Amino acid sequence: MSDEQNRITTLEEMVAHQAKIIEELSDQIAEQWKVVEQTRQKLDRLTERFLTLEEQSLDAPAITKPPHY
């Protein structure tokens, strides 16, 4: 093989390797995005639950002494 063919082969190998790495990174980003979305949904549900509980506690009657005191 000539020197030029070796260089071309080396470049083709590098490009193939980089394409594989890019695909793997893209897959990892997609998986992480799913986790972020799930976490965001859980946080939204917890926020709603917290606000509901907070509203219920504000509506509770004031604590008073029983009539026999």
C-alpha atoms as a PDB file:
ATOM      1  CA  MET A   1       0.000   0.000   0.000  1.00  0.00           C
ATOM      2  CA  SER A   2       1.163   3.453  -0.756  1.00  0.00           C
ATOM      3  CA  ASP A   3       1.582   6.120   1.855  1.00  0.00           C
ATOM      4  CA  GLU A   4      -1.488   7.940   0.536  1.00  0.00           C
ATOM      5  CA  GLN A   5      -3.629   4.809   0.751  1.00  0.00           C
ATOM      6  CA  ASN A   6      -2.482   4.268   4.337  1.00  0.00           C
ATOM      7  CA  ARG A   7      -3.496   7.811   5.218  1.00  0.00           C
ATOM      8  CA  ILE A   8      -6.902   7.372   3.591  1.00  0.00           C
ATOM      9  CA  THR A   9      -7.443   4.059   5.386  1.00  0.00           C
ATOM     10  CA  THR A  10      -6.452   5.638   8.696  1.00  0.00           C
ATOM     11  CA  LEU A  11      -8.835   8.546   8.111  1.00  0.00           C
ATOM     12  CA  GLU A  12     -11.684   6.181   7.179  1.00  0.00           C
ATOM     13  CA  GLU A  13     -11.085   4.191  10.374  1.00  0.00           C
ATOM     14  CA  MET A  14     -11.114   7.377  12.424  1.00  0.00           C
ATOM     15  CA  VAL A  15     -14.350   8.554  10.813  1.00  0.00           C
ATOM     16  CA  ALA A  16     -16.004   5.171  11.397  1.00  0.00           C
ATOM     17  CA  HIS A  17     -14.891   5.197  15.043  1.00  0.00           C
ATOM     18  CA  GLN A  18     -16.117   8.762  15.546  1.00  0.00           C
ATOM     19  CA  ALA A  19     -19.470   7.948  13.931  1.00  0.00           C
ATOM     20  CA  LYS A  20     -19.898   5.035  16.339  1.00  0.00           C
ATOM     21  CA  ILE A  21     -19.010   7.200  19.342  1.00  0.00           C
ATOM     22  CA  ILE A  22     -21.430   9.932  18.210  1.00  0.00           C
ATOM     23  CA  GLU A  23     -24.230   7.370  17.889  1.00  0.00           C
ATOM     24  CA  GLU A  24     -23.499   5.996  21.372  1.00  0.00           C
ATOM     25  CA  LEU A  25     -23.465   9.492  22.860  1.00  0.00           C
ATOM     26  CA  SER A  26     -26.726  10.321  21.126  1.00  0.00           C
ATOM     27  CA  ASP A  27     -28.314   7.203  22.610  1.00  0.00           C
ATOM     28  CA  GLN A  28     -27.055   8.140  26.071  1.00  0.00           C
ATOM     29  CA  ILE A  29     -28.444  11.661  25.743  1.00  0.00           C
ATOM     30  CA  ALA A  30     -31.825  10.262  24.694  1.00  0.00           C
ATOM     31  CA  GLU A  31     -31.877   7.973  27.756  1.00  0.00           C
ATOM     32  CA  GLN A  32     -30.888  10.814  30.065  1.00  0.00           C
ATOM     33  CA  TRP A  33     -33.602  13.013  28.578  1.00  0.00           C
ATOM     34  CA  LYS A  34     -36.162  10.316  29.434  1.00  0.00           C
ATOM     35  CA  VAL A  35     -34.915  10.323  33.040  1.00  0.00           C
ATOM     36  CA  VAL A  36     -35.106  14.124  33.171  1.00  0.00           C
ATOM     37  CA  GLU A  37     -38.693  14.056  31.878  1.00  0.00           C
ATOM     38  CA  GLN A  38     -39.691  11.384  34.399  1.00  0.00           C
ATOM     39  CA  THR A  39     -38.104  13.388  37.207  1.00  0.00           C
ATOM     40  CA  ARG A  40     -39.880  16.539  36.047  1.00  0.00           C
ATOM     41  CA  GLN A  41     -43.224  14.721  36.025  1.00  0.00           C
ATOM     42  CA  LYS A  42     -42.625  13.373  39.534  1.00  0.00           C
ATOM     43  CA  LEU A  43     -41.700  16.838  40.756  1.00  0.00           C
ATOM     44  CA  ASP A  44     -44.861  18.283  39.224  1.00  0.00           C
ATOM     45  CA  ARG A  45     -46.996  15.629  40.928  1.00  0.00           C
ATOM     46  CA  LEU A  46     -45.267  16.216  44.266  1.00  0.00           C
ATOM     47  CA  THR A  47     -45.714  19.966  43.921  1.00  0.00           C
ATOM     48  CA  GLU A  48     -49.421  19.534  43.250  1.00  0.00           C
ATOM     49  CA  ARG A  49     -49.745  17.183  46.209  1.00  0.00           C
ATOM     50  CA  PHE A  50     -47.880  19.585  48.479  1.00  0.00           C
ATOM     51  CA  LEU A  51     -50.055  22.512  47.423  1.00  0.00           C
ATOM     52  CA  THR A  52     -53.204  20.459  48.002  1.00  0.00           C
ATOM     53  CA  LEU A  53     -52.045  19.457  51.479  1.00  0.00           C
ATOM     54  CA  GLU A  54     -51.063  23.029  52.236  1.00  0.00           C
ATOM     55  CA  GLU A  55     -54.512  24.286  51.214  1.00  0.00           C
ATOM     56  CA  GLN A  56     -56.193  21.631  53.341  1.00  0.00           C
ATOM     57  CA  SER A  57     -54.147  22.591  56.378  1.00  0.00           C
ATOM     58  CA  LEU A  58     -55.148  26.237  55.985  1.00  0.00           C
ATOM     59  CA  ASP A  59     -58.824  25.269  55.900  1.00  0.00           C
ATOM     60  CA  ALA A  60     -58.577  23.273  59.136  1.00  0.00           C
ATOM     61  CA  PRO A  61     -60.389  24.816  62.105  1.00  0.00           C
ATOM     62  CA  ALA A  62     -58.304  26.496  64.746  1.00  0.00           C
ATOM     63  CA  ILE A  63     -57.334  24.367  67.715  1.00  0.00           C
ATOM     64  CA  THR A  64     -59.461  25.350  70.700  1.00  0.00           C
ATOM     65  CA  LYS A  65     -59.713  24.101  74.263  1.00  0.00           C
ATOM     66  CA  PRO A  66     -62.382  21.517  74.912  1.00  0.00           C
ATOM     67  CA  PRO A  67     -65.517  22.890  76.638  1.00  0.00           C
ATOM     68  CA  HIS A  68     -64.740  21.204  79.971  1.00  0.00           C
ATOM     69  CA  TYR A  69     -61.668  23.387  80.610  1.00  0.00           C
END
